[in-house]
Protein backbone atom coordinates (compact mmCIF):
# COMPACT_ATOMS: atom_id res chain seq x y z
CA UNK A 1 -22.64 -24.65 -8.31
CA UNK A 2 -20.08 -26.51 -6.40
CA UNK A 3 -17.29 -25.07 -8.58
CA UNK A 4 -18.39 -21.52 -7.79
CA UNK A 5 -18.55 -22.34 -4.06
CA UNK A 6 -15.08 -23.71 -4.14
CA UNK A 7 -13.52 -20.84 -6.14
CA UNK A 8 -15.26 -18.39 -3.51
CA UNK A 9 -13.94 -20.37 -0.63
CA UNK A 10 -10.53 -20.83 -2.13
CA UNK A 11 -10.32 -17.09 -2.81
CA UNK A 12 -11.33 -16.13 0.75
CA UNK A 13 -8.63 -18.42 2.35
CA UNK A 14 -6.06 -17.38 0.09
CA UNK A 15 -6.74 -13.77 0.60
CA UNK A 16 -7.00 -14.12 4.38
CA UNK A 17 -3.57 -15.68 4.28
CA UNK A 18 -2.05 -12.97 2.38
CA UNK A 19 -3.15 -10.18 4.55
CA UNK A 20 -2.14 -12.30 7.69
CA UNK A 21 1.39 -12.38 6.31
CA UNK A 22 1.67 -8.73 5.52
CA UNK A 23 3.96 -6.54 7.78
CA UNK A 24 3.01 -3.71 10.03
CA UNK A 25 2.61 -0.63 7.85
CA UNK A 26 1.92 2.29 9.97
CA UNK A 27 1.86 3.06 13.56
CA UNK A 28 -1.27 4.39 15.35
CA UNK A 29 -0.26 7.73 17.31
CA UNK A 30 -3.88 8.67 18.29
CA UNK A 31 -3.85 12.37 18.99
CA UNK A 32 0.13 12.38 19.98
CA UNK A 33 1.07 13.86 16.69
CA UNK A 34 4.24 15.31 18.16
CA UNK A 35 5.75 11.64 18.47
CA UNK A 36 5.96 11.41 14.60
CA UNK A 37 9.20 13.48 15.01
CA UNK A 38 10.66 10.90 17.36
CA UNK A 39 13.98 9.43 15.49
CA UNK A 40 13.08 5.82 16.33
CA UNK A 41 9.94 6.11 14.37
CA UNK A 42 11.38 8.11 11.49
CA UNK A 43 14.39 5.74 11.37
CA UNK A 44 12.24 2.63 11.29
CA UNK A 45 11.89 0.44 8.20
CA UNK A 46 8.94 -1.51 9.91
CA UNK A 47 6.70 1.36 9.62
CA UNK A 48 5.81 2.96 6.51
CA UNK A 49 3.72 5.81 8.00
CA UNK A 50 1.76 6.98 10.77
CA UNK A 51 -2.06 6.97 11.52
CA UNK A 52 -3.08 10.17 13.05
CA UNK A 53 -6.69 10.86 14.56
CA UNK A 54 -8.14 14.25 13.90
CA UNK A 55 -11.30 15.30 15.72
CA UNK A 56 -13.98 16.98 13.89
CA UNK A 57 -13.70 20.28 15.90
CA UNK A 58 -10.18 20.54 14.89
CA UNK A 59 -11.17 20.38 11.13
CA UNK A 60 -14.22 22.45 11.54
CA UNK A 61 -13.46 24.92 14.48
CA UNK A 62 -16.59 26.86 13.53
CA UNK A 63 -19.82 25.76 11.77
CA UNK A 64 -18.87 25.99 7.98
CA UNK A 65 -15.44 27.10 8.51
CA UNK A 66 -12.76 24.35 7.77
CA UNK A 67 -9.34 24.11 8.74
CA UNK A 68 -6.95 21.37 7.35
CA UNK A 69 -3.66 23.07 8.27
CA UNK A 70 -2.87 20.22 10.72
CA UNK A 71 -3.39 17.32 8.31
CA UNK A 72 -1.26 19.42 5.76
CA UNK A 73 1.59 20.14 8.30
CA UNK A 74 1.38 16.38 9.21
CA UNK A 75 1.46 15.46 5.56
CA UNK A 76 4.48 17.57 4.62
CA UNK A 77 6.56 16.45 7.54
CA UNK A 78 6.00 12.83 6.98
CA UNK A 79 6.50 12.99 3.33
CA UNK A 80 9.79 15.01 3.77
CA UNK A 81 10.81 11.89 5.96
CA UNK A 82 9.76 9.16 3.56
CA UNK A 83 6.60 8.14 5.35
CA UNK A 84 2.84 8.27 4.66
CA UNK A 85 0.03 9.69 6.45
CA UNK A 86 -2.86 7.48 7.42
CA UNK A 87 -5.80 9.84 8.46
CA UNK A 88 -8.52 8.86 10.98
CA UNK A 89 -11.34 11.38 11.50
CA UNK A 90 -13.16 11.14 14.70
CA UNK A 91 -16.71 13.11 14.70
CA UNK A 92 -17.95 11.37 18.02
CA UNK A 93 -16.23 11.00 21.40
CA UNK A 94 -16.94 9.89 25.10
CA UNK A 95 -14.67 12.82 25.91
CA UNK A 96 -16.87 15.70 26.43
CA UNK A 97 -14.12 18.34 26.39
CA UNK A 98 -13.48 17.65 22.77
CA UNK A 99 -17.04 18.44 21.44
CA UNK A 100 -17.75 21.63 23.23
CA UNK A 101 -19.56 23.21 20.16
CA UNK A 102 -23.37 22.42 19.46
């Protein structure tokens, strides 16, 4: 029992230390997706990619009708520039202008 607890604690502390040492991998642009085209971002070796937020109404403009063109466009642009895309889908917001559809 003591050995099991020791192994678990060692694993947790070691993993936590490794995670804390990792460099920044992506930059969060929120909905300012046009900023992925900025030279300072594209030329940076610090960031391996961009995290972009897509709202559910952007992805499903009408009930049952899906449009992933924004994601596809951003992905193609970032890949062409050697960057990754980290997708964040938001289905709830305090901004009532985003969610007009019921």
